[in-house]
N, C-alpha and C. Protein backbone atom coordinates (compact mmCIF):
# COMPACT_ATOMS: atom_id res chain seq x y z
N MET A 1 10.07 10.20 15.53
CA MET A 1 8.67 10.47 15.32
C MET A 1 7.90 9.19 15.57
N SER A 2 6.80 9.30 16.26
CA SER A 2 6.02 8.11 16.56
C SER A 2 5.35 7.58 15.30
N THR A 3 5.09 6.29 15.30
CA THR A 3 4.43 5.66 14.16
C THR A 3 3.08 6.31 13.91
N THR A 4 2.38 6.63 14.98
CA THR A 4 1.06 7.24 14.84
C THR A 4 1.17 8.59 14.14
N GLN A 5 2.12 9.43 14.56
CA GLN A 5 2.29 10.73 13.91
C GLN A 5 2.74 10.56 12.47
N SER A 6 3.65 9.63 12.23
CA SER A 6 4.12 9.37 10.88
C SER A 6 2.98 8.93 9.98
N GLU A 7 2.16 8.00 10.47
CA GLU A 7 1.02 7.51 9.69
C GLU A 7 0.02 8.63 9.45
N ARG A 8 -0.21 9.45 10.47
CA ARG A 8 -1.16 10.56 10.33
C ARG A 8 -0.66 11.57 9.30
N LEU A 9 0.60 11.93 9.37
CA LEU A 9 1.16 12.89 8.41
C LEU A 9 1.13 12.31 7.00
N ARG A 10 1.51 11.05 6.86
CA ARG A 10 1.50 10.40 5.55
C ARG A 10 0.07 10.40 4.97
N GLY A 11 -0.90 10.05 5.80
CA GLY A 11 -2.29 10.04 5.36
C GLY A 11 -2.79 11.42 4.97
N LEU A 12 -2.31 12.43 5.67
CA LEU A 12 -2.71 13.81 5.39
C LEU A 12 -2.06 14.35 4.12
N LEU A 13 -0.80 13.98 3.90
CA LEU A 13 -0.03 14.53 2.78
C LEU A 13 -0.17 13.75 1.48
N GLU A 14 -0.45 12.47 1.57
CA GLU A 14 -0.54 11.62 0.37
C GLU A 14 -1.48 12.18 -0.69
N PRO A 15 -2.71 12.61 -0.34
CA PRO A 15 -3.60 13.15 -1.38
C PRO A 15 -3.05 14.41 -2.05
N LEU A 16 -2.37 15.26 -1.30
CA LEU A 16 -1.79 16.48 -1.87
C LEU A 16 -0.69 16.14 -2.88
N VAL A 17 0.13 15.15 -2.52
CA VAL A 17 1.24 14.73 -3.37
C VAL A 17 0.69 14.01 -4.61
N SER A 18 -0.25 13.10 -4.40
CA SER A 18 -0.84 12.34 -5.52
C SER A 18 -1.56 13.25 -6.51
N ALA A 19 -2.15 14.32 -6.02
CA ALA A 19 -2.87 15.25 -6.89
C ALA A 19 -1.94 15.90 -7.92
N ARG A 20 -0.65 15.90 -7.64
CA ARG A 20 0.34 16.46 -8.57
C ARG A 20 1.07 15.35 -9.33
N ASP A 21 0.51 14.14 -9.32
CA ASP A 21 1.10 12.98 -10.00
C ASP A 21 2.50 12.67 -9.51
N LEU A 22 2.69 12.80 -8.19
CA LEU A 22 3.98 12.50 -7.56
C LEU A 22 3.79 11.34 -6.59
N ASP A 23 4.90 10.71 -6.23
CA ASP A 23 4.92 9.67 -5.21
C ASP A 23 5.49 10.25 -3.93
N LEU A 24 4.85 9.96 -2.81
CA LEU A 24 5.36 10.37 -1.51
C LEU A 24 6.36 9.31 -1.07
N GLU A 25 7.63 9.65 -1.12
CA GLU A 25 8.70 8.69 -0.82
C GLU A 25 9.01 8.62 0.67
N GLU A 26 8.98 9.77 1.34
CA GLU A 26 9.40 9.78 2.74
C GLU A 26 8.80 10.97 3.47
N VAL A 27 8.43 10.75 4.72
CA VAL A 27 8.01 11.81 5.63
C VAL A 27 8.84 11.62 6.89
N GLU A 28 9.62 12.64 7.24
CA GLU A 28 10.53 12.50 8.38
C GLU A 28 10.49 13.76 9.23
N VAL A 29 10.32 13.59 10.53
CA VAL A 29 10.37 14.70 11.46
C VAL A 29 11.58 14.48 12.36
N THR A 30 12.48 15.48 12.39
CA THR A 30 13.68 15.37 13.22
C THR A 30 13.83 16.63 14.07
N PRO A 31 14.32 16.47 15.31
CA PRO A 31 14.55 17.64 16.15
C PRO A 31 15.72 18.46 15.63
N ALA A 32 15.60 19.78 15.75
CA ALA A 32 16.67 20.70 15.35
C ALA A 32 16.67 21.87 16.33
N GLY A 33 17.31 21.67 17.46
CA GLY A 33 17.31 22.70 18.50
C GLY A 33 15.93 22.82 19.12
N ARG A 34 15.38 24.04 19.13
CA ARG A 34 14.05 24.26 19.69
C ARG A 34 12.94 23.98 18.68
N ARG A 35 13.33 23.66 17.48
CA ARG A 35 12.37 23.39 16.41
C ARG A 35 12.46 21.94 15.98
N ARG A 36 11.62 21.63 15.02
CA ARG A 36 11.68 20.34 14.34
C ARG A 36 11.76 20.62 12.84
N VAL A 37 12.27 19.67 12.11
CA VAL A 37 12.30 19.77 10.66
C VAL A 37 11.40 18.66 10.12
N LEU A 38 10.40 19.06 9.34
CA LEU A 38 9.53 18.12 8.65
C LEU A 38 10.02 18.05 7.21
N ARG A 39 10.59 16.91 6.86
CA ARG A 39 11.14 16.71 5.52
C ARG A 39 10.21 15.79 4.75
N VAL A 40 9.71 16.29 3.62
CA VAL A 40 8.80 15.54 2.77
C VAL A 40 9.53 15.31 1.44
N VAL A 41 9.77 14.04 1.10
CA VAL A 41 10.49 13.69 -0.11
C VAL A 41 9.49 13.14 -1.13
N VAL A 42 9.47 13.76 -2.32
CA VAL A 42 8.56 13.36 -3.38
C VAL A 42 9.35 13.05 -4.64
N ASP A 43 8.76 12.23 -5.52
CA ASP A 43 9.44 11.87 -6.76
C ASP A 43 8.40 11.49 -7.80
N SER A 44 8.84 11.35 -9.05
CA SER A 44 7.98 10.86 -10.12
C SER A 44 8.87 10.26 -11.20
N ASP A 45 8.26 9.59 -12.15
CA ASP A 45 9.03 8.99 -13.25
C ASP A 45 9.75 10.05 -14.06
N ASP A 46 9.20 11.27 -14.11
CA ASP A 46 9.80 12.36 -14.88
C ASP A 46 10.64 13.30 -14.04
N GLY A 47 10.88 12.94 -12.78
CA GLY A 47 11.62 13.82 -11.89
C GLY A 47 10.67 14.85 -11.29
N VAL A 48 11.21 15.77 -10.51
CA VAL A 48 10.40 16.79 -9.85
C VAL A 48 11.02 18.15 -10.12
N GLN A 49 10.22 19.06 -10.62
CA GLN A 49 10.67 20.42 -10.91
C GLN A 49 10.66 21.26 -9.63
N LEU A 50 11.53 22.24 -9.56
CA LEU A 50 11.61 23.13 -8.41
C LEU A 50 10.29 23.85 -8.18
N ASP A 51 9.65 24.32 -9.24
CA ASP A 51 8.36 25.01 -9.11
C ASP A 51 7.30 24.09 -8.50
N THR A 52 7.33 22.82 -8.87
CA THR A 52 6.37 21.85 -8.33
C THR A 52 6.60 21.68 -6.83
N CYS A 53 7.86 21.61 -6.41
CA CYS A 53 8.18 21.51 -4.98
C CYS A 53 7.68 22.74 -4.23
N ALA A 54 7.87 23.92 -4.82
CA ALA A 54 7.43 25.16 -4.17
C ALA A 54 5.91 25.20 -4.03
N GLU A 55 5.19 24.84 -5.08
CA GLU A 55 3.72 24.83 -5.03
C GLU A 55 3.23 23.81 -4.00
N LEU A 56 3.83 22.63 -4.02
CA LEU A 56 3.44 21.58 -3.08
C LEU A 56 3.75 22.02 -1.65
N SER A 57 4.85 22.69 -1.45
CA SER A 57 5.23 23.18 -0.12
C SER A 57 4.16 24.14 0.42
N ARG A 58 3.66 25.03 -0.44
CA ARG A 58 2.61 25.95 -0.01
C ARG A 58 1.34 25.19 0.36
N ASP A 59 0.97 24.19 -0.45
CA ASP A 59 -0.22 23.39 -0.16
C ASP A 59 -0.07 22.63 1.15
N ILE A 60 1.08 22.01 1.34
CA ILE A 60 1.34 21.25 2.56
C ILE A 60 1.31 22.17 3.78
N SER A 61 1.95 23.31 3.67
CA SER A 61 2.00 24.27 4.77
C SER A 61 0.59 24.70 5.18
N GLN A 62 -0.24 25.00 4.21
CA GLN A 62 -1.62 25.42 4.49
C GLN A 62 -2.40 24.28 5.16
N THR A 63 -2.24 23.07 4.65
CA THR A 63 -2.93 21.91 5.23
C THR A 63 -2.48 21.66 6.66
N LEU A 64 -1.18 21.75 6.90
CA LEU A 64 -0.66 21.53 8.26
C LEU A 64 -1.18 22.61 9.21
N ASP A 65 -1.25 23.85 8.74
CA ASP A 65 -1.78 24.94 9.58
C ASP A 65 -3.26 24.72 9.89
N ASP A 66 -4.01 24.27 8.88
CA ASP A 66 -5.45 24.06 9.06
C ASP A 66 -5.76 22.90 9.99
N THR A 67 -4.91 21.89 10.02
CA THR A 67 -5.19 20.69 10.82
C THR A 67 -4.44 20.65 12.13
N ASP A 68 -3.43 21.48 12.30
CA ASP A 68 -2.60 21.47 13.51
C ASP A 68 -1.94 20.10 13.72
N ALA A 69 -1.62 19.42 12.63
CA ALA A 69 -1.02 18.09 12.70
C ALA A 69 0.38 18.10 13.31
N MET A 70 1.05 19.23 13.28
CA MET A 70 2.41 19.31 13.83
C MET A 70 2.42 19.84 15.26
N GLY A 71 1.24 20.13 15.82
CA GLY A 71 1.18 20.60 17.19
C GLY A 71 1.66 22.04 17.33
N GLN A 72 2.03 22.42 18.55
CA GLN A 72 2.41 23.80 18.85
C GLN A 72 3.90 24.09 18.72
N THR A 73 4.73 23.05 18.66
CA THR A 73 6.17 23.25 18.56
C THR A 73 6.52 23.76 17.17
N PRO A 74 7.34 24.82 17.09
CA PRO A 74 7.72 25.35 15.77
C PRO A 74 8.43 24.29 14.92
N TYR A 75 8.24 24.40 13.63
CA TYR A 75 8.89 23.45 12.72
C TYR A 75 9.25 24.16 11.42
N VAL A 76 10.18 23.56 10.71
CA VAL A 76 10.58 24.02 9.38
C VAL A 76 10.15 22.94 8.40
N LEU A 77 9.49 23.34 7.33
CA LEU A 77 9.03 22.40 6.31
C LEU A 77 10.01 22.39 5.15
N GLU A 78 10.46 21.20 4.77
CA GLU A 78 11.30 21.02 3.59
C GLU A 78 10.59 20.06 2.65
N VAL A 79 10.33 20.48 1.42
CA VAL A 79 9.77 19.60 0.40
C VAL A 79 10.85 19.45 -0.65
N THR A 80 11.26 18.23 -0.92
CA THR A 80 12.41 17.98 -1.78
C THR A 80 12.22 16.71 -2.59
N SER A 81 13.12 16.52 -3.52
CA SER A 81 13.16 15.26 -4.28
C SER A 81 14.34 14.45 -3.75
N PRO A 82 14.39 13.15 -4.07
CA PRO A 82 15.49 12.33 -3.56
C PRO A 82 16.83 12.82 -4.12
N GLY A 83 17.88 12.61 -3.39
CA GLY A 83 19.20 13.02 -3.84
C GLY A 83 19.73 12.13 -4.95
N ALA A 84 20.84 12.54 -5.51
CA ALA A 84 21.45 11.82 -6.62
C ALA A 84 21.86 10.40 -6.24
N GLU A 85 22.27 10.20 -5.01
CA GLU A 85 22.69 8.87 -4.55
C GLU A 85 21.60 8.19 -3.73
N ARG A 86 20.37 8.38 -4.13
CA ARG A 86 19.23 7.87 -3.39
C ARG A 86 19.27 6.36 -3.25
N PRO A 87 18.80 5.84 -2.12
CA PRO A 87 18.68 4.39 -1.98
C PRO A 87 17.61 3.87 -2.94
N LEU A 88 17.82 2.69 -3.47
CA LEU A 88 16.85 2.04 -4.34
C LEU A 88 16.15 0.99 -3.50
N THR A 89 14.90 1.22 -3.18
CA THR A 89 14.18 0.31 -2.29
C THR A 89 12.90 -0.25 -2.90
N GLU A 90 12.38 0.39 -3.92
CA GLU A 90 11.12 -0.03 -4.55
C GLU A 90 11.37 -0.30 -6.04
N PRO A 91 10.60 -1.17 -6.65
CA PRO A 91 10.77 -1.40 -8.10
C PRO A 91 10.72 -0.11 -8.92
N ARG A 92 9.88 0.85 -8.51
CA ARG A 92 9.80 2.11 -9.26
C ARG A 92 11.11 2.89 -9.18
N HIS A 93 11.87 2.75 -8.09
CA HIS A 93 13.16 3.43 -7.97
C HIS A 93 14.14 2.89 -9.01
N TYR A 94 14.16 1.56 -9.15
CA TYR A 94 15.04 0.94 -10.14
C TYR A 94 14.62 1.34 -11.55
N ARG A 95 13.31 1.37 -11.81
CA ARG A 95 12.80 1.75 -13.13
C ARG A 95 13.24 3.18 -13.46
N ARG A 96 13.17 4.07 -12.50
CA ARG A 96 13.57 5.47 -12.71
C ARG A 96 15.07 5.60 -12.90
N ALA A 97 15.82 4.62 -12.44
CA ALA A 97 17.28 4.66 -12.56
C ALA A 97 17.78 3.87 -13.77
N THR A 98 16.88 3.45 -14.66
CA THR A 98 17.29 2.71 -15.85
C THR A 98 18.34 3.52 -16.63
N GLY A 99 19.42 2.84 -17.01
CA GLY A 99 20.52 3.49 -17.70
C GLY A 99 21.61 3.99 -16.78
N ARG A 100 21.33 4.02 -15.48
CA ARG A 100 22.29 4.52 -14.49
C ARG A 100 23.08 3.35 -13.89
N LEU A 101 24.21 3.69 -13.32
CA LEU A 101 25.05 2.73 -12.63
C LEU A 101 24.55 2.61 -11.19
N MET A 102 24.52 1.39 -10.67
CA MET A 102 24.11 1.19 -9.28
C MET A 102 25.14 0.33 -8.56
N ARG A 103 25.20 0.50 -7.26
CA ARG A 103 26.02 -0.34 -6.39
C ARG A 103 25.06 -1.08 -5.48
N ALA A 104 25.17 -2.39 -5.45
CA ALA A 104 24.25 -3.21 -4.65
C ALA A 104 25.01 -4.16 -3.75
N ARG A 105 24.51 -4.31 -2.54
CA ARG A 105 24.96 -5.37 -1.64
C ARG A 105 23.92 -6.47 -1.77
N LEU A 106 24.39 -7.65 -2.11
CA LEU A 106 23.49 -8.77 -2.34
C LEU A 106 23.25 -9.55 -1.05
N THR A 107 22.18 -10.31 -1.02
CA THR A 107 21.84 -11.06 0.19
C THR A 107 22.89 -12.10 0.54
N ASP A 108 23.70 -12.54 -0.45
CA ASP A 108 24.77 -13.51 -0.17
C ASP A 108 26.05 -12.84 0.33
N GLY A 109 26.01 -11.50 0.50
CA GLY A 109 27.16 -10.76 1.01
C GLY A 109 28.03 -10.14 -0.06
N ASP A 110 27.88 -10.55 -1.31
CA ASP A 110 28.67 -9.97 -2.40
C ASP A 110 28.23 -8.54 -2.67
N GLU A 111 29.13 -7.78 -3.32
CA GLU A 111 28.81 -6.43 -3.76
C GLU A 111 28.91 -6.40 -5.27
N LEU A 112 28.05 -5.64 -5.91
CA LEU A 112 27.98 -5.60 -7.36
C LEU A 112 27.80 -4.16 -7.81
N VAL A 113 28.58 -3.76 -8.81
CA VAL A 113 28.39 -2.48 -9.48
C VAL A 113 28.01 -2.80 -10.91
N ALA A 114 26.86 -2.29 -11.37
CA ALA A 114 26.38 -2.63 -12.71
C ALA A 114 25.43 -1.54 -13.20
N ARG A 115 25.24 -1.49 -14.50
CA ARG A 115 24.31 -0.55 -15.12
C ARG A 115 22.95 -1.22 -15.26
N ILE A 116 21.89 -0.51 -14.88
CA ILE A 116 20.53 -1.03 -14.99
C ILE A 116 20.08 -0.87 -16.44
N ILE A 117 19.74 -1.99 -17.07
CA ILE A 117 19.32 -1.98 -18.48
C ILE A 117 17.79 -1.98 -18.57
N THR A 118 17.14 -2.94 -17.93
CA THR A 118 15.68 -2.99 -17.90
C THR A 118 15.22 -3.45 -16.53
N VAL A 119 13.97 -3.13 -16.23
CA VAL A 119 13.37 -3.50 -14.95
C VAL A 119 11.97 -4.05 -15.22
N ASP A 120 11.63 -5.15 -14.55
CA ASP A 120 10.27 -5.67 -14.63
C ASP A 120 9.79 -5.98 -13.21
N ASP A 121 8.68 -6.65 -13.08
CA ASP A 121 8.09 -6.91 -11.76
C ASP A 121 8.93 -7.83 -10.88
N GLU A 122 9.78 -8.67 -11.49
CA GLU A 122 10.57 -9.63 -10.71
C GLU A 122 11.99 -9.16 -10.41
N GLY A 123 12.56 -8.31 -11.25
CA GLY A 123 13.94 -7.90 -11.03
C GLY A 123 14.50 -7.05 -12.14
N LEU A 124 15.84 -7.15 -12.31
CA LEU A 124 16.56 -6.25 -13.22
C LEU A 124 17.43 -7.03 -14.18
N ASP A 125 17.59 -6.46 -15.36
CA ASP A 125 18.63 -6.92 -16.28
C ASP A 125 19.74 -5.89 -16.19
N LEU A 126 20.95 -6.37 -15.98
CA LEU A 126 22.09 -5.49 -15.73
C LEU A 126 23.19 -5.71 -16.75
N GLU A 127 24.03 -4.70 -16.87
CA GLU A 127 25.27 -4.82 -17.64
C GLU A 127 26.40 -4.60 -16.64
N VAL A 128 27.16 -5.65 -16.40
CA VAL A 128 28.28 -5.59 -15.47
C VAL A 128 29.52 -5.18 -16.26
N PRO A 129 30.15 -4.06 -15.89
CA PRO A 129 31.32 -3.61 -16.65
C PRO A 129 32.43 -4.66 -16.67
N GLY A 130 33.12 -4.72 -17.79
CA GLY A 130 34.26 -5.64 -17.91
C GLY A 130 35.45 -5.10 -17.14
N VAL A 131 36.32 -5.99 -16.72
CA VAL A 131 37.51 -5.61 -15.97
C VAL A 131 38.73 -5.82 -16.85
N LYS A 132 39.66 -4.87 -16.82
CA LYS A 132 40.93 -4.96 -17.56
C LYS A 132 40.72 -5.27 -19.05
N GLY A 133 39.89 -4.45 -19.70
CA GLY A 133 39.71 -4.58 -21.14
C GLY A 133 38.70 -5.62 -21.59
N ARG A 134 38.14 -6.36 -20.67
CA ARG A 134 37.13 -7.36 -21.04
C ARG A 134 35.81 -6.66 -21.33
N LYS A 135 35.00 -7.32 -22.15
CA LYS A 135 33.70 -6.77 -22.50
C LYS A 135 32.74 -6.89 -21.33
N PRO A 136 31.76 -5.97 -21.26
CA PRO A 136 30.74 -6.08 -20.21
C PRO A 136 29.93 -7.37 -20.38
N THR A 137 29.37 -7.85 -19.26
CA THR A 137 28.54 -9.06 -19.31
C THR A 137 27.14 -8.74 -18.82
N ALA A 138 26.18 -9.48 -19.33
CA ALA A 138 24.78 -9.32 -18.91
C ALA A 138 24.54 -10.17 -17.67
N ARG A 139 23.66 -9.68 -16.80
CA ARG A 139 23.30 -10.43 -15.60
C ARG A 139 21.86 -10.11 -15.22
N ARG A 140 21.15 -11.11 -14.80
CA ARG A 140 19.78 -10.96 -14.31
C ARG A 140 19.82 -11.03 -12.80
N LEU A 141 19.14 -10.12 -12.13
CA LEU A 141 19.13 -10.08 -10.68
C LEU A 141 17.69 -9.90 -10.20
N ALA A 142 17.23 -10.81 -9.35
CA ALA A 142 15.89 -10.70 -8.77
C ALA A 142 15.93 -9.71 -7.61
N PHE A 143 14.83 -9.02 -7.37
CA PHE A 143 14.77 -8.06 -6.26
C PHE A 143 15.10 -8.74 -4.94
N GLU A 144 14.70 -10.00 -4.77
CA GLU A 144 14.94 -10.72 -3.52
C GLU A 144 16.43 -10.94 -3.25
N GLU A 145 17.26 -10.86 -4.28
CA GLU A 145 18.70 -11.06 -4.12
C GLU A 145 19.42 -9.80 -3.65
N ILE A 146 18.71 -8.68 -3.60
CA ILE A 146 19.33 -7.39 -3.26
C ILE A 146 18.96 -7.03 -1.83
N SER A 147 19.99 -6.81 -0.99
CA SER A 147 19.69 -6.38 0.37
C SER A 147 19.76 -4.86 0.49
N LYS A 148 20.60 -4.22 -0.34
CA LYS A 148 20.75 -2.77 -0.28
C LYS A 148 21.31 -2.30 -1.61
N ALA A 149 20.77 -1.20 -2.15
CA ALA A 149 21.29 -0.67 -3.41
C ALA A 149 21.12 0.84 -3.46
N ARG A 150 22.00 1.45 -4.25
CA ARG A 150 21.92 2.90 -4.45
C ARG A 150 22.53 3.26 -5.79
N VAL A 151 22.10 4.38 -6.33
CA VAL A 151 22.64 4.87 -7.60
C VAL A 151 24.06 5.36 -7.36
N GLU A 152 24.95 5.07 -8.29
CA GLU A 152 26.33 5.54 -8.24
C GLU A 152 26.44 6.81 -9.09
N ILE A 153 27.13 7.78 -8.57
CA ILE A 153 27.36 9.02 -9.33
C ILE A 153 28.47 8.75 -10.35
N GLU A 154 28.25 9.20 -11.59
CA GLU A 154 29.24 9.05 -12.66
C GLU A 154 29.62 10.43 -13.16
N PHE A 155 30.89 10.76 -13.06
CA PHE A 155 31.34 12.07 -13.52
C PHE A 155 31.75 12.05 -14.98
N ASN A 156 32.18 10.92 -15.48
CA ASN A 156 32.63 10.82 -16.87
C ASN A 156 31.75 9.86 -17.66
N ARG A 157 30.46 9.92 -17.42
CA ARG A 157 29.53 9.00 -18.08
C ARG A 157 29.46 9.28 -19.56
N LYS A 158 29.56 8.22 -20.34
CA LYS A 158 29.43 8.35 -21.78
C LYS A 158 27.95 8.46 -22.12
N PRO A 159 27.60 9.27 -23.15
CA PRO A 159 26.19 9.38 -23.51
C PRO A 159 25.64 8.04 -23.97
N ALA A 160 24.35 7.81 -23.67
CA ALA A 160 23.69 6.56 -24.07
C ALA A 160 23.58 6.51 -25.59
N ASP A 161 23.63 5.29 -26.12
CA ASP A 161 23.45 5.12 -27.56
C ASP A 161 22.07 5.57 -27.96
N LYS A 162 21.99 6.28 -29.08
CA LYS A 162 20.70 6.76 -29.57
C LYS A 162 20.03 5.67 -30.38
N ALA A 163 18.71 5.69 -30.32
CA ALA A 163 17.95 4.74 -31.12
C ALA A 163 18.13 5.12 -32.59
N VAL A 164 17.99 4.15 -33.46
CA VAL A 164 18.15 4.38 -34.89
C VAL A 164 17.19 5.47 -35.34
N GLY A 165 17.74 6.50 -36.03
CA GLY A 165 16.90 7.58 -36.56
C GLY A 165 16.58 8.65 -35.55
N GLU A 166 16.95 8.45 -34.27
CA GLU A 166 16.62 9.42 -33.24
C GLU A 166 17.78 10.37 -33.04
N GLY A 167 17.50 11.65 -33.05
CA GLY A 167 18.50 12.66 -32.76
C GLY A 167 19.59 12.78 -33.81
N ASP A 168 19.29 12.58 -35.07
CA ASP A 168 20.29 12.71 -36.12
C ASP A 168 20.31 14.13 -36.67
N GLU A 169 20.59 15.11 -35.79
CA GLU A 169 20.60 16.51 -36.20
C GLU A 169 21.77 16.81 -37.12
N SER A 170 22.82 15.97 -37.10
CA SER A 170 24.00 16.25 -37.90
C SER A 170 23.81 15.93 -39.38
N LYS A 171 22.76 15.19 -39.72
CA LYS A 171 22.51 14.88 -41.12
C LYS A 171 21.95 16.11 -41.84
N GLU A 172 22.37 16.27 -43.05
CA GLU A 172 21.85 17.38 -43.82
C GLU A 172 20.47 17.04 -44.35
N GLU A 173 19.61 18.06 -44.37
CA GLU A 173 18.28 17.84 -44.90
C GLU A 173 18.32 17.92 -46.43
N ALA A 174 17.57 17.08 -47.09
CA ALA A 174 17.57 17.05 -48.56
C ALA A 174 16.67 18.11 -49.12
């Protein structure tokens, strides 16, 4: 897709996405036989509900029909949220992944797997799992030190520790 078309589509779709308190993460047009696929990826701090994607898809479809931004070639519209193993490229992505395990390739060539504990404007505080029975260690990582990162899928993830007094349903009421 040309930069001009990408910029035009982004400019056209951004207000529709923002109106639903979502972030427009990606706009991608790819050929698929005689058609094209327009993939619009949206996200928010609270995730994206299926109903929200469906409503947004109808709005986007109507806007595209009204403006003829996709031209005369048939296309399929997909409105989706990022996948479970989404790349982490913006500070907001790391913030949304707080508590999750990530795999990062660092600018010095090293690779790191660690749990995101907190995120601020400069970088991340991480918990690096211990090896062979050792305790986890804390590590601070600046965004500039990360060349590539993505969330790691955990199948046997232990539940996060609850805050004091939070979720104590097992206690009997007096």
